[in-house]
Amino acid sequence: MQSVSAATLDTKKRKVSFTAPFDPRFPFTNQTRNCYQNYVDYYRCLNIMKTKGKDMQKCEWYHKVFKSLCPSSWSLTSDHNWD
């Protein structure tokens, strides 16, 4: 029996992947519009929740989806535009 160190288990726990679910609005292989729509929805959700004083944790689903679909260079450069 092989022993597994605590550090190895901790590393495995952090590497949880997320795959965006199928969205019937974007049925084709090119997911650029899906990426963009979820990106916009995330920031729209944040603004609405902030305005209403509600929990912004509800917007995390959109964040996970756009991080899963969009290339990281797109979200890094675009994030500066929202500030």
PDB file of N, CA and C in Angstrom:
ATOM      1  N   MET A   1       0.841  -1.183   0.000  1.00  0.00           N
ATOM      2  CA  MET A   1       0.000   0.000   0.000  1.00  0.00           C
ATOM      3  C   MET A   1       0.885   1.245   0.000  1.00  0.00           C
ATOM      4  N   GLN A   2       0.536   2.204  -0.808  1.00  0.00           N
ATOM      5  CA  GLN A   2       1.318   3.412  -0.949  1.00  0.00           C
ATOM      6  C   GLN A   2       0.813   4.475   0.011  1.00  0.00           C
ATOM      7  N   SER A   3       1.737   5.179   0.643  1.00  0.00           N
ATOM      8  CA  SER A   3       1.320   6.261   1.526  1.00  0.00           C
ATOM      9  C   SER A   3       1.331   7.571   0.739  1.00  0.00           C
ATOM     10  N   VAL A   4       0.360   8.407   1.030  1.00  0.00           N
ATOM     11  CA  VAL A   4       0.225   9.688   0.336  1.00  0.00           C
ATOM     12  C   VAL A   4       0.407  10.792   1.362  1.00  0.00           C
ATOM     13  N   SER A   5       1.283  11.731   1.038  1.00  0.00           N
ATOM     14  CA  SER A   5       1.546  12.816   1.983  1.00  0.00           C
ATOM     15  C   SER A   5       0.384  13.807   1.987  1.00  0.00           C
ATOM     16  N   ALA A   6       0.308  14.582   3.053  1.00  0.00           N
ATOM     17  CA  ALA A   6      -0.749  15.580   3.188  1.00  0.00           C
ATOM     18  C   ALA A   6      -0.620  16.657   2.118  1.00  0.00           C
ATOM     19  N   ALA A   7       0.609  16.994   1.735  1.00  0.00           N
ATOM     20  CA  ALA A   7       0.824  18.015   0.703  1.00  0.00           C
ATOM     21  C   ALA A   7       0.280  17.551  -0.646  1.00  0.00           C
ATOM     22  N   THR A   8       0.445  16.269  -0.949  1.00  0.00           N
ATOM     23  CA  THR A   8      -0.069  15.725  -2.205  1.00  0.00           C
ATOM     24  C   THR A   8      -1.587  15.772  -2.235  1.00  0.00           C
ATOM     25  N   LEU A   9      -2.219  15.418  -1.130  1.00  0.00           N
ATOM     26  CA  LEU A   9      -3.679  15.470  -1.055  1.00  0.00           C
ATOM     27  C   LEU A   9      -4.182  16.893  -1.174  1.00  0.00           C
ATOM     28  N   ASP A  10      -3.480  17.828  -0.537  1.00  0.00           N
ATOM     29  CA  ASP A  10      -3.880  19.230  -0.589  1.00  0.00           C
ATOM     30  C   ASP A  10      -3.788  19.759  -2.018  1.00  0.00           C
ATOM     31  N   THR A  11      -2.747  19.368  -2.744  1.00  0.00           N
ATOM     32  CA  THR A  11      -2.582  19.795  -4.134  1.00  0.00           C
ATOM     33  C   THR A  11      -3.693  19.232  -5.006  1.00  0.00           C
ATOM     34  N   LYS A  12      -4.063  17.989  -4.789  1.00  0.00           N
ATOM     35  CA  LYS A  12      -5.125  17.376  -5.576  1.00  0.00           C
ATOM     36  C   LYS A  12      -6.468  18.040  -5.313  1.00  0.00           C
ATOM     37  N   LYS A  13      -6.709  18.476  -4.098  1.00  0.00           N
ATOM     38  CA  LYS A  13      -7.969  19.125  -3.760  1.00  0.00           C
ATOM     39  C   LYS A  13      -8.104  20.469  -4.458  1.00  0.00           C
ATOM     40  N   ARG A  14      -7.009  21.199  -4.613  1.00  0.00           N
ATOM     41  CA  ARG A  14      -7.054  22.527  -5.218  1.00  0.00           C
ATOM     42  C   ARG A  14      -7.270  22.477  -6.719  1.00  0.00           C
ATOM     43  N   LYS A  15      -6.952  21.376  -7.359  1.00  0.00           N
ATOM     44  CA  LYS A  15      -7.063  21.270  -8.816  1.00  0.00           C
ATOM     45  C   LYS A  15      -8.443  20.742  -9.218  1.00  0.00           C
ATOM     46  N   VAL A  16      -9.462  21.453  -8.820  1.00  0.00           N
ATOM     47  CA  VAL A  16     -10.815  21.088  -9.204  1.00  0.00           C
ATOM     48  C   VAL A  16     -11.130  21.822 -10.496  1.00  0.00           C
ATOM     49  N   SER A  17     -11.448  21.072 -11.521  1.00  0.00           N
ATOM     50  CA  SER A  17     -11.738  21.715 -12.798  1.00  0.00           C
ATOM     51  C   SER A  17     -13.237  21.970 -12.940  1.00  0.00           C
ATOM     52  N   PHE A  18     -13.549  22.919 -13.766  1.00  0.00           N
ATOM     53  CA  PHE A  18     -14.935  23.267 -14.025  1.00  0.00           C
ATOM     54  C   PHE A  18     -15.114  23.328 -15.530  1.00  0.00           C
ATOM     55  N   THR A  19     -16.100  22.630 -16.025  1.00  0.00           N
ATOM     56  CA  THR A  19     -16.427  22.669 -17.444  1.00  0.00           C
ATOM     57  C   THR A  19     -17.768  23.351 -17.586  1.00  0.00           C
ATOM     58  N   ALA A  20     -17.816  24.319 -18.454  1.00  0.00           N
ATOM     59  CA  ALA A  20     -19.065  25.056 -18.671  1.00  0.00           C
ATOM     60  C   ALA A  20     -20.119  24.112 -19.238  1.00  0.00           C
ATOM     61  N   PRO A  21     -21.330  24.179 -18.697  1.00  0.00           N
ATOM     62  CA  PRO A  21     -22.398  23.324 -19.221  1.00  0.00           C
ATOM     63  C   PRO A  21     -22.843  23.781 -20.609  1.00  0.00           C
ATOM     64  N   PHE A  22     -23.526  22.912 -21.320  1.00  0.00           N
ATOM     65  CA  PHE A  22     -24.027  23.241 -22.648  1.00  0.00           C
ATOM     66  C   PHE A  22     -25.070  24.343 -22.551  1.00  0.00           C
ATOM     67  N   ASP A  23     -24.950  25.314 -23.424  1.00  0.00           N
ATOM     68  CA  ASP A  23     -25.912  26.407 -23.487  1.00  0.00           C
ATOM     69  C   ASP A  23     -26.565  26.357 -24.867  1.00  0.00           C
ATOM     70  N   PRO A  24     -27.861  26.090 -24.930  1.00  0.00           N
ATOM     71  CA  PRO A  24     -28.517  25.955 -26.242  1.00  0.00           C
ATOM     72  C   PRO A  24     -28.518  27.236 -27.071  1.00  0.00           C
ATOM     73  N   ARG A  25     -28.232  28.373 -26.467  1.00  0.00           N
ATOM     74  CA  ARG A  25     -28.136  29.616 -27.240  1.00  0.00           C
ATOM     75  C   ARG A  25     -26.892  29.633 -28.114  1.00  0.00           C
ATOM     76  N   PHE A  26     -25.884  28.806 -27.760  1.00  0.00           N
ATOM     77  CA  PHE A  26     -24.612  28.770 -28.480  1.00  0.00           C
ATOM     78  C   PHE A  26     -24.280  27.322 -28.831  1.00  0.00           C
ATOM     79  N   PRO A  27     -24.987  26.733 -29.818  1.00  0.00           N
ATOM     80  CA  PRO A  27     -24.827  25.305 -30.091  1.00  0.00           C
ATOM     81  C   PRO A  27     -23.589  24.930 -30.901  1.00  0.00           C
ATOM     82  N   PHE A  28     -22.897  25.889 -31.471  1.00  0.00           N
ATOM     83  CA  PHE A  28     -21.798  25.569 -32.371  1.00  0.00           C
ATOM     84  C   PHE A  28     -20.468  25.478 -31.635  1.00  0.00           C
ATOM     85  N   THR A  29     -19.471  24.988 -32.311  1.00  0.00           N
ATOM     86  CA  THR A  29     -18.162  24.758 -31.724  1.00  0.00           C
ATOM     87  C   THR A  29     -17.502  26.055 -31.258  1.00  0.00           C
ATOM     88  N   ASN A  30     -17.614  27.097 -32.041  1.00  0.00           N
ATOM     89  CA  ASN A  30     -17.008  28.377 -31.683  1.00  0.00           C
ATOM     90  C   ASN A  30     -17.772  28.976 -30.491  1.00  0.00           C
ATOM     91  N   GLN A  31     -17.119  29.074 -29.375  1.00  0.00           N
ATOM     92  CA  GLN A  31     -17.765  29.519 -28.140  1.00  0.00           C
ATOM     93  C   GLN A  31     -17.420  30.960 -27.772  1.00  0.00           C
ATOM     94  N   THR A  32     -16.982  31.747 -28.750  1.00  0.00           N
ATOM     95  CA  THR A  32     -16.598  33.128 -28.489  1.00  0.00           C
ATOM     96  C   THR A  32     -17.757  33.941 -27.937  1.00  0.00           C
ATOM     97  N   ARG A  33     -18.919  33.827 -28.553  1.00  0.00           N
ATOM     98  CA  ARG A  33     -20.084  34.585 -28.083  1.00  0.00           C
ATOM     99  C   ARG A  33     -20.527  34.119 -26.699  1.00  0.00           C
ATOM    100  N   ASN A  34     -20.433  32.832 -26.457  1.00  0.00           N
ATOM    101  CA  ASN A  34     -20.779  32.290 -25.141  1.00  0.00           C
ATOM    102  C   ASN A  34     -19.838  32.860 -24.086  1.00  0.00           C
ATOM    103  N   CYS A  35     -18.567  32.893 -24.397  1.00  0.00           N
ATOM    104  CA  CYS A  35     -17.568  33.475 -23.498  1.00  0.00           C
ATOM    105  C   CYS A  35     -17.927  34.922 -23.193  1.00  0.00           C
ATOM    106  N   TYR A  36     -18.162  35.690 -24.242  1.00  0.00           N
ATOM    107  CA  TYR A  36     -18.465  37.114 -24.079  1.00  0.00           C
ATOM    108  C   TYR A  36     -19.747  37.324 -23.264  1.00  0.00           C
ATOM    109  N   GLN A  37     -20.790  36.557 -23.558  1.00  0.00           N
ATOM    110  CA  GLN A  37     -22.063  36.730 -22.866  1.00  0.00           C
ATOM    111  C   GLN A  37     -21.932  36.444 -21.370  1.00  0.00           C
ATOM    112  N   ASN A  38     -21.209  35.397 -21.012  1.00  0.00           N
ATOM    113  CA  ASN A  38     -21.026  35.080 -19.600  1.00  0.00           C
ATOM    114  C   ASN A  38     -20.124  36.090 -18.902  1.00  0.00           C
ATOM    115  N   TYR A  39     -19.159  36.633 -19.630  1.00  0.00           N
ATOM    116  CA  TYR A  39     -18.295  37.683 -19.090  1.00  0.00           C
ATOM    117  C   TYR A  39     -19.127  38.922 -18.750  1.00  0.00           C
ATOM    118  N   VAL A  40     -19.957  39.332 -19.694  1.00  0.00           N
ATOM    119  CA  VAL A  40     -20.820  40.498 -19.487  1.00  0.00           C
ATOM    120  C   VAL A  40     -21.826  40.221 -18.374  1.00  0.00           C
ATOM    121  N   ASP A  41     -22.413  39.033 -18.367  1.00  0.00           N
ATOM    122  CA  ASP A  41     -23.387  38.678 -17.330  1.00  0.00           C
ATOM    123  C   ASP A  41     -22.766  38.695 -15.933  1.00  0.00           C
ATOM    124  N   TYR A  42     -21.515  38.277 -15.830  1.00  0.00           N
ATOM    125  CA  TYR A  42     -20.830  38.281 -14.535  1.00  0.00           C
ATOM    126  C   TYR A  42     -20.720  39.707 -13.988  1.00  0.00           C
ATOM    127  N   TYR A  43     -20.223  40.628 -14.810  1.00  0.00           N
ATOM    128  CA  TYR A  43     -20.067  42.004 -14.335  1.00  0.00           C
ATOM    129  C   TYR A  43     -21.402  42.704 -14.152  1.00  0.00           C
ATOM    130  N   ARG A  44     -22.380  42.351 -14.964  1.00  0.00           N
ATOM    131  CA  ARG A  44     -23.725  42.888 -14.786  1.00  0.00           C
ATOM    132  C   ARG A  44     -24.297  42.421 -13.442  1.00  0.00           C
ATOM    133  N   CYS A  45     -24.113  41.140 -13.156  1.00  0.00           N
ATOM    134  CA  CYS A  45     -24.580  40.567 -11.888  1.00  0.00           C
ATOM    135  C   CYS A  45     -23.899  41.242 -10.702  1.00  0.00           C
ATOM    136  N   LEU A  46     -22.579  41.438 -10.798  1.00  0.00           N
ATOM    137  CA  LEU A  46     -21.853  42.108  -9.714  1.00  0.00           C
ATOM    138  C   LEU A  46     -22.398  43.507  -9.452  1.00  0.00           C
ATOM    139  N   ASN A  47     -22.625  44.260 -10.515  1.00  0.00           N
ATOM    140  CA  ASN A  47     -23.145  45.620 -10.365  1.00  0.00           C
ATOM    141  C   ASN A  47     -24.534  45.629  -9.748  1.00  0.00           C
ATOM    142  N   ILE A  48     -25.392  44.720 -10.180  1.00  0.00           N
ATOM    143  CA  ILE A  48     -26.752  44.655  -9.636  1.00  0.00           C
ATOM    144  C   ILE A  48     -26.726  44.258  -8.168  1.00  0.00           C
ATOM    145  N   MET A  49     -25.945  43.251  -7.832  1.00  0.00           N
ATOM    146  CA  MET A  49     -25.879  42.783  -6.444  1.00  0.00           C
ATOM    147  C   MET A  49     -25.267  43.849  -5.536  1.00  0.00           C
ATOM    148  N   LYS A  50     -24.269  44.556  -6.042  1.00  0.00           N
ATOM    149  CA  LYS A  50     -23.637  45.620  -5.261  1.00  0.00           C
ATOM    150  C   LYS A  50     -24.634  46.757  -5.015  1.00  0.00           C
ATOM    151  N   THR A  51     -25.394  47.103  -6.041  1.00  0.00           N
ATOM    152  CA  THR A  51     -26.385  48.176  -5.933  1.00  0.00           C
ATOM    153  C   THR A  51     -27.480  47.818  -4.936  1.00  0.00           C
ATOM    154  N   LYS A  52     -27.925  46.573  -4.984  1.00  0.00           N
ATOM    155  CA  LYS A  52     -28.994  46.128  -4.091  1.00  0.00           C
ATOM    156  C   LYS A  52     -28.484  45.752  -2.702  1.00  0.00           C
ATOM    157  N   GLY A  53     -27.170  45.684  -2.542  1.00  0.00           N
ATOM    158  CA  GLY A  53     -26.594  45.324  -1.257  1.00  0.00           C
ATOM    159  C   GLY A  53     -26.750  43.847  -0.927  1.00  0.00           C
ATOM    160  N   LYS A  54     -26.838  43.017  -1.957  1.00  0.00           N
ATOM    161  CA  LYS A  54     -27.001  41.572  -1.756  1.00  0.00           C
ATOM    162  C   LYS A  54     -25.670  40.856  -1.908  1.00  0.00           C
ATOM    163  N   ASP A  55     -25.693  39.563  -1.622  1.00  0.00           N
ATOM    164  CA  ASP A  55     -24.504  38.729  -1.664  1.00  0.00           C
ATOM    165  C   ASP A  55     -24.026  38.548  -3.103  1.00  0.00           C
ATOM    166  N   MET A  56     -22.788  38.955  -3.378  1.00  0.00           N
ATOM    167  CA  MET A  56     -22.234  38.849  -4.721  1.00  0.00           C
ATOM    168  C   MET A  56     -21.740  37.438  -5.033  1.00  0.00           C
ATOM    169  N   GLN A  57     -21.809  36.545  -4.070  1.00  0.00           N
ATOM    170  CA  GLN A  57     -21.405  35.152  -4.265  1.00  0.00           C
ATOM    171  C   GLN A  57     -22.278  34.469  -5.313  1.00  0.00           C
ATOM    172  N   LYS A  58     -23.499  34.958  -5.487  1.00  0.00           N
ATOM    173  CA  LYS A  58     -24.414  34.372  -6.466  1.00  0.00           C
ATOM    174  C   LYS A  58     -23.903  34.555  -7.892  1.00  0.00           C
ATOM    175  N   CYS A  59     -22.995  35.474  -8.114  1.00  0.00           N
ATOM    176  CA  CYS A  59     -22.454  35.750  -9.449  1.00  0.00           C
ATOM    177  C   CYS A  59     -21.293  34.821  -9.805  1.00  0.00           C
ATOM    178  N   GLU A  60     -20.830  34.034  -8.873  1.00  0.00           N
ATOM    179  CA  GLU A  60     -19.655  33.202  -9.109  1.00  0.00           C
ATOM    180  C   GLU A  60     -19.856  32.176 -10.216  1.00  0.00           C
ATOM    181  N   TRP A  61     -21.089  31.751 -10.446  1.00  0.00           N
ATOM    182  CA  TRP A  61     -21.339  30.781 -11.515  1.00  0.00           C
ATOM    183  C   TRP A  61     -20.918  31.366 -12.859  1.00  0.00           C
ATOM    184  N   TYR A  62     -21.298  32.619 -13.116  1.00  0.00           N
ATOM    185  CA  TYR A  62     -20.908  33.275 -14.360  1.00  0.00           C
ATOM    186  C   TYR A  62     -19.391  33.395 -14.457  1.00  0.00           C
ATOM    187  N   HIS A  63     -18.761  33.678 -13.344  1.00  0.00           N
ATOM    188  CA  HIS A  63     -17.299  33.798 -13.315  1.00  0.00           C
ATOM    189  C   HIS A  63     -16.648  32.465 -13.686  1.00  0.00           C
ATOM    190  N   LYS A  64     -17.128  31.383 -13.117  1.00  0.00           N
ATOM    191  CA  LYS A  64     -16.572  30.064 -13.429  1.00  0.00           C
ATOM    192  C   LYS A  64     -16.759  29.722 -14.901  1.00  0.00           C
ATOM    193  N   VAL A  65     -17.928  30.045 -15.436  1.00  0.00           N
ATOM    194  CA  VAL A  65     -18.201  29.719 -16.834  1.00  0.00           C
ATOM    195  C   VAL A  65     -17.296  30.519 -17.766  1.00  0.00           C
ATOM    196  N   PHE A  66     -17.181  31.817 -17.550  1.00  0.00           N
ATOM    197  CA  PHE A  66     -16.346  32.583 -18.477  1.00  0.00           C
ATOM    198  C   PHE A  66     -14.871  32.265 -18.295  1.00  0.00           C
ATOM    199  N   LYS A  67     -14.431  31.921 -17.097  1.00  0.00           N
ATOM    200  CA  LYS A  67     -13.039  31.508 -16.911  1.00  0.00           C
ATOM    201  C   LYS A  67     -12.783  30.172 -17.606  1.00  0.00           C
ATOM    202  N   SER A  68     -13.807  29.335 -17.676  1.00  0.00           N
ATOM    203  CA  SER A  68     -13.676  28.049 -18.340  1.00  0.00           C
ATOM    204  C   SER A  68     -13.664  28.192 -19.862  1.00  0.00           C
ATOM    205  N   LEU A  69     -14.468  29.115 -20.392  1.00  0.00           N
ATOM    206  CA  LEU A  69     -14.609  29.254 -21.840  1.00  0.00           C
ATOM    207  C   LEU A  69     -13.606  30.203 -22.479  1.00  0.00           C
ATOM    208  N   CYS A  70     -13.300  31.288 -21.803  1.00  0.00           N
ATOM    209  CA  CYS A  70     -12.495  32.353 -22.407  1.00  0.00           C
ATOM    210  C   CYS A  70     -11.002  32.103 -22.235  1.00  0.00           C
ATOM    211  N   PRO A  71     -10.215  32.444 -23.242  1.00  0.00           N
ATOM    212  CA  PRO A  71      -8.765  32.407 -23.064  1.00  0.00           C
ATOM    213  C   PRO A  71      -8.360  33.405 -21.977  1.00  0.00           C
ATOM    214  N   SER A  72      -7.396  33.061 -21.178  1.00  0.00           N
ATOM    215  CA  SER A  72      -7.018  33.908 -20.046  1.00  0.00           C
ATOM    216  C   SER A  72      -6.556  35.294 -20.495  1.00  0.00           C
ATOM    217  N   SER A  73      -5.945  35.408 -21.645  1.00  0.00           N
ATOM    218  CA  SER A  73      -5.488  36.718 -22.115  1.00  0.00           C
ATOM    219  C   SER A  73      -6.666  37.652 -22.384  1.00  0.00           C
ATOM    220  N   TRP A  74      -7.806  37.122 -22.799  1.00  0.00           N
ATOM    221  CA  TRP A  74      -8.984  37.953 -23.032  1.00  0.00           C
ATOM    222  C   TRP A  74      -9.509  38.526 -21.737  1.00  0.00           C
ATOM    223  N   SER A  75      -9.629  37.702 -20.716  1.00  0.00           N
ATOM    224  CA  SER A  75     -10.220  38.189 -19.474  1.00  0.00           C
ATOM    225  C   SER A  75      -9.265  39.111 -18.727  1.00  0.00           C
ATOM    226  N   LEU A  76      -7.975  38.887 -18.821  1.00  0.00           N
ATOM    227  CA  LEU A  76      -7.023  39.757 -18.136  1.00  0.00           C
ATOM    228  C   LEU A  76      -7.018  41.155 -18.735  1.00  0.00           C
ATOM    229  N   THR A  77      -7.038  41.263 -20.050  1.00  0.00           N
ATOM    230  CA  THR A  77      -7.022  42.582 -20.669  1.00  0.00           C
ATOM    231  C   THR A  77      -8.362  43.276 -20.529  1.00  0.00           C
ATOM    232  N   SER A  78      -9.448  42.541 -20.563  1.00  0.00           N
ATOM    233  CA  SER A  78     -10.778  43.138 -20.491  1.00  0.00           C
ATOM    234  C   SER A  78     -11.149  43.547 -19.076  1.00  0.00           C
ATOM    235  N   ASP A  79     -10.607  42.889 -18.073  1.00  0.00           N
ATOM    236  CA  ASP A  79     -10.945  43.212 -16.684  1.00  0.00           C
ATOM    237  C   ASP A  79     -10.582  44.643 -16.328  1.00  0.00           C
ATOM    238  N   HIS A  80      -9.566  45.183 -16.944  1.00  0.00           N
ATOM    239  CA  HIS A  80      -9.152  46.551 -16.644  1.00  0.00           C
ATOM    240  C   HIS A  80     -10.168  47.576 -17.134  1.00  0.00           C
ATOM    241  N   ASN A  81     -10.965  47.199 -18.113  1.00  0.00           N
ATOM    242  CA  ASN A  81     -11.970  48.113 -18.648  1.00  0.00           C
ATOM    243  C   ASN A  81     -13.145  48.322 -17.700  1.00  0.00           C
ATOM    244  N   TRP A  82     -13.350  47.427 -16.746  1.00  0.00           N
ATOM    245  CA  TRP A  82     -14.497  47.514 -15.845  1.00  0.00           C
ATOM    246  C   TRP A  82     -14.216  48.372 -14.627  1.00  0.00           C
ATOM    247  N   ASP A  83     -12.973  48.687 -14.385  1.00  0.00           N
ATOM    248  CA  ASP A  83     -12.626  49.479 -13.193  1.00  0.00           C
ATOM    249  C   ASP A  83     -12.951  50.936 -13.343  1.00  0.00           C
TER     250      ASP A  83
END
